[in-house]
Amino acid sequence: MKVIDLLWIVAVGGVALFAYDKYTTKAAEPAPQEVVATKAAVQTSLAEDRSWIKPREDQLRAPGVGAKKCDGRTSCGQMTSCAEAKYFIAHCPNTKMDGDRDGIPCEEQWCG
């Protein structure tokens, strides 16, 4: 075997090894837009889901509303005032009173 043939084989093998390394590294890394989209999805889902929040004892009294507790009421039909609806949406989990997610609960019944 000639030296030139041996050098040719080594060169081709080196290029193949380099290409394989670049391919596997590129395939393992997520694209930057995928990372941004994933972070946004996580932040959005955390903002929408307040079921993990438990109110502190000092937050169980809403100012000007009287003593309130998260007693399982979740919809506008179960509320008696706008202030009560605002308290429940701010302090209680799984409320269904802000359909358009603008921060104002029960717009058609109490806070409109």
C-alpha atoms as a PDB file:
ATOM      1  CA  MET A   1       0.000   0.000   0.000  1.00  0.00           C
ATOM      2  CA  LYS A   2       1.329   3.379  -0.901  1.00  0.00           C
ATOM      3  CA  VAL A   3       1.714   6.204   1.587  1.00  0.00           C
ATOM      4  CA  ILE A   4      -0.537   8.421  -0.506  1.00  0.00           C
ATOM      5  CA  ASP A   5      -3.369   5.845  -0.284  1.00  0.00           C
ATOM      6  CA  LEU A   6      -2.951   5.675   3.502  1.00  0.00           C
ATOM      7  CA  LEU A   7      -3.102   9.464   3.800  1.00  0.00           C
ATOM      8  CA  TRP A   8      -6.196   9.524   1.619  1.00  0.00           C
ATOM      9  CA  ILE A   9      -7.969   7.000   3.876  1.00  0.00           C
ATOM     10  CA  VAL A  10      -7.005   8.929   7.025  1.00  0.00           C
ATOM     11  CA  ALA A  11      -8.236  12.227   5.513  1.00  0.00           C
ATOM     12  CA  VAL A  12     -11.599  10.785   4.442  1.00  0.00           C
ATOM     13  CA  GLY A  13     -12.050   9.136   7.834  1.00  0.00           C
ATOM     14  CA  GLY A  14     -11.252  12.397   9.618  1.00  0.00           C
ATOM     15  CA  VAL A  15     -13.798  14.331   7.562  1.00  0.00           C
ATOM     16  CA  ALA A  16     -16.416  11.639   8.197  1.00  0.00           C
ATOM     17  CA  LEU A  17     -15.716  11.697  11.941  1.00  0.00           C
ATOM     18  CA  PHE A  18     -15.920  15.506  12.025  1.00  0.00           C
ATOM     19  CA  ALA A  19     -19.245  15.488  10.119  1.00  0.00           C
ATOM     20  CA  TYR A  20     -20.704  12.816  12.401  1.00  0.00           C
ATOM     21  CA  ASP A  21     -19.702  14.803  15.497  1.00  0.00           C
ATOM     22  CA  LYS A  22     -21.342  17.987  14.139  1.00  0.00           C
ATOM     23  CA  TYR A  23     -24.504  16.098  13.181  1.00  0.00           C
ATOM     24  CA  THR A  24     -24.974  14.474  16.593  1.00  0.00           C
ATOM     25  CA  THR A  25     -24.246  17.727  18.453  1.00  0.00           C
ATOM     26  CA  LYS A  26     -26.694  19.691  16.288  1.00  0.00           C
ATOM     27  CA  ALA A  27     -29.431  17.065  16.658  1.00  0.00           C
ATOM     28  CA  ALA A  28     -29.142  17.062  20.470  1.00  0.00           C
ATOM     29  CA  GLU A  29     -29.567  20.847  20.866  1.00  0.00           C
ATOM     30  CA  PRO A  30     -33.086  22.314  20.611  1.00  0.00           C
ATOM     31  CA  ALA A  31     -33.564  25.195  18.224  1.00  0.00           C
ATOM     32  CA  PRO A  32     -33.623  28.621  19.931  1.00  0.00           C
ATOM     33  CA  GLN A  33     -37.241  29.319  18.943  1.00  0.00           C
ATOM     34  CA  GLU A  34     -38.292  25.998  20.492  1.00  0.00           C
ATOM     35  CA  VAL A  35     -36.701  27.002  23.795  1.00  0.00           C
ATOM     36  CA  VAL A  36     -38.455  30.379  23.765  1.00  0.00           C
ATOM     37  CA  ALA A  37     -41.783  28.777  22.873  1.00  0.00           C
ATOM     38  CA  THR A  38     -41.424  26.232  25.675  1.00  0.00           C
ATOM     39  CA  LYS A  39     -40.646  28.935  28.262  1.00  0.00           C
ATOM     40  CA  ALA A  40     -43.633  30.979  27.113  1.00  0.00           C
ATOM     41  CA  ALA A  41     -45.924  27.945  27.337  1.00  0.00           C
ATOM     42  CA  VAL A  42     -44.770  27.181  30.874  1.00  0.00           C
ATOM     43  CA  GLN A  43     -45.223  30.795  31.983  1.00  0.00           C
ATOM     44  CA  THR A  44     -48.681  30.951  30.413  1.00  0.00           C
ATOM     45  CA  SER A  45     -49.824  27.721  32.000  1.00  0.00           C
ATOM     46  CA  LEU A  46     -48.573  28.840  35.427  1.00  0.00           C
ATOM     47  CA  ALA A  47     -50.342  32.191  35.059  1.00  0.00           C
ATOM     48  CA  GLU A  48     -53.630  30.497  34.171  1.00  0.00           C
ATOM     49  CA  ASP A  49     -53.495  27.728  36.757  1.00  0.00           C
ATOM     50  CA  ARG A  50     -53.832  29.032  40.293  1.00  0.00           C
ATOM     51  CA  SER A  51     -54.930  25.700  41.796  1.00  0.00           C
ATOM     52  CA  TRP A  52     -51.606  25.269  43.608  1.00  0.00           C
ATOM     53  CA  ILE A  53     -52.029  28.529  45.562  1.00  0.00           C
ATOM     54  CA  LYS A  54     -53.300  28.228  49.092  1.00  0.00           C
ATOM     55  CA  PRO A  55     -54.342  31.477  50.754  1.00  0.00           C
ATOM     56  CA  ARG A  56     -52.610  32.500  53.948  1.00  0.00           C
ATOM     57  CA  GLU A  57     -54.695  32.945  57.078  1.00  0.00           C
ATOM     58  CA  ASP A  58     -54.216  36.733  56.994  1.00  0.00           C
ATOM     59  CA  GLN A  59     -55.661  36.801  53.461  1.00  0.00           C
ATOM     60  CA  LEU A  60     -58.923  35.115  54.366  1.00  0.00           C
ATOM     61  CA  ARG A  61     -60.524  38.480  55.132  1.00  0.00           C
ATOM     62  CA  ALA A  62     -61.198  40.674  52.135  1.00  0.00           C
ATOM     63  CA  PRO A  63     -61.223  44.392  52.878  1.00  0.00           C
ATOM     64  CA  GLY A  64     -64.772  45.734  53.089  1.00  0.00           C
ATOM     65  CA  VAL A  65     -66.351  42.384  52.311  1.00  0.00           C
ATOM     66  CA  GLY A  66     -66.293  40.627  55.656  1.00  0.00           C
ATOM     67  CA  ALA A  67     -64.789  37.276  56.510  1.00  0.00           C
ATOM     68  CA  LYS A  68     -64.461  35.035  53.462  1.00  0.00           C
ATOM     69  CA  LYS A  69     -63.003  31.615  52.986  1.00  0.00           C
ATOM     70  CA  CYS A  70     -62.389  29.492  49.951  1.00  0.00           C
ATOM     71  CA  ASP A  71     -65.441  27.330  50.443  1.00  0.00           C
ATOM     72  CA  GLY A  72     -65.595  25.684  47.039  1.00  0.00           C
ATOM     73  CA  ARG A  73     -67.554  28.332  45.166  1.00  0.00           C
ATOM     74  CA  THR A  74     -66.036  28.846  41.732  1.00  0.00           C
ATOM     75  CA  SER A  75     -68.622  30.492  39.453  1.00  0.00           C
ATOM     76  CA  CYS A  76     -70.315  33.884  39.230  1.00  0.00           C
ATOM     77  CA  GLY A  77     -73.747  32.448  40.029  1.00  0.00           C
ATOM     78  CA  GLN A  78     -72.465  31.512  43.471  1.00  0.00           C
ATOM     79  CA  MET A  79     -71.212  35.034  44.297  1.00  0.00           C
ATOM     80  CA  THR A  80     -73.212  37.804  45.996  1.00  0.00           C
ATOM     81  CA  SER A  81     -71.178  40.876  44.967  1.00  0.00           C
ATOM     82  CA  CYS A  82     -68.362  42.125  42.776  1.00  0.00           C
ATOM     83  CA  ALA A  83     -66.054  42.486  45.801  1.00  0.00           C
ATOM     84  CA  GLU A  84     -66.704  38.874  46.756  1.00  0.00           C
ATOM     85  CA  ALA A  85     -65.982  37.694  43.206  1.00  0.00           C
ATOM     86  CA  LYS A  86     -62.730  39.695  43.159  1.00  0.00           C
ATOM     87  CA  TYR A  87     -61.690  38.175  46.483  1.00  0.00           C
ATOM     88  CA  PHE A  88     -62.398  34.625  45.305  1.00  0.00           C
ATOM     89  CA  ILE A  89     -60.558  35.050  41.992  1.00  0.00           C
ATOM     90  CA  ALA A  90     -57.509  36.477  43.800  1.00  0.00           C
ATOM     91  CA  HIS A  91     -57.321  33.988  46.677  1.00  0.00           C
ATOM     92  CA  CYS A  92     -59.088  30.745  45.781  1.00  0.00           C
ATOM     93  CA  PRO A  93     -58.061  27.956  43.380  1.00  0.00           C
ATOM     94  CA  ASN A  94     -59.946  26.751  40.303  1.00  0.00           C
ATOM     95  CA  THR A  95     -62.264  29.733  39.904  1.00  0.00           C
ATOM     96  CA  LYS A  96     -64.191  30.070  36.657  1.00  0.00           C
ATOM     97  CA  MET A  97     -65.202  33.735  36.843  1.00  0.00           C
ATOM     98  CA  ASP A  98     -62.857  35.477  34.380  1.00  0.00           C
ATOM     99  CA  GLY A  99     -63.562  33.995  30.968  1.00  0.00           C
ATOM    100  CA  ASP A 100     -61.691  36.641  28.986  1.00  0.00           C
ATOM    101  CA  ARG A 101     -58.763  36.641  31.480  1.00  0.00           C
ATOM    102  CA  ASP A 102     -58.630  40.401  31.843  1.00  0.00           C
ATOM    103  CA  GLY A 103     -58.546  40.310  35.656  1.00  0.00           C
ATOM    104  CA  ILE A 104     -62.163  41.422  36.108  1.00  0.00           C
ATOM    105  CA  PRO A 105     -64.441  38.597  37.305  1.00  0.00           C
ATOM    106  CA  CYS A 106     -68.179  38.282  36.651  1.00  0.00           C
ATOM    107  CA  GLU A 107     -68.373  41.180  34.202  1.00  0.00           C
ATOM    108  CA  GLU A 108     -71.894  40.333  33.064  1.00  0.00           C
ATOM    109  CA  GLN A 109     -73.386  39.802  36.535  1.00  0.00           C
ATOM    110  CA  TRP A 110     -71.514  41.772  39.186  1.00  0.00           C
ATOM    111  CA  CYS A 111     -68.506  43.766  37.968  1.00  0.00           C
ATOM    112  CA  GLY A 112     -69.780  45.031  34.623  1.00  0.00           C
END
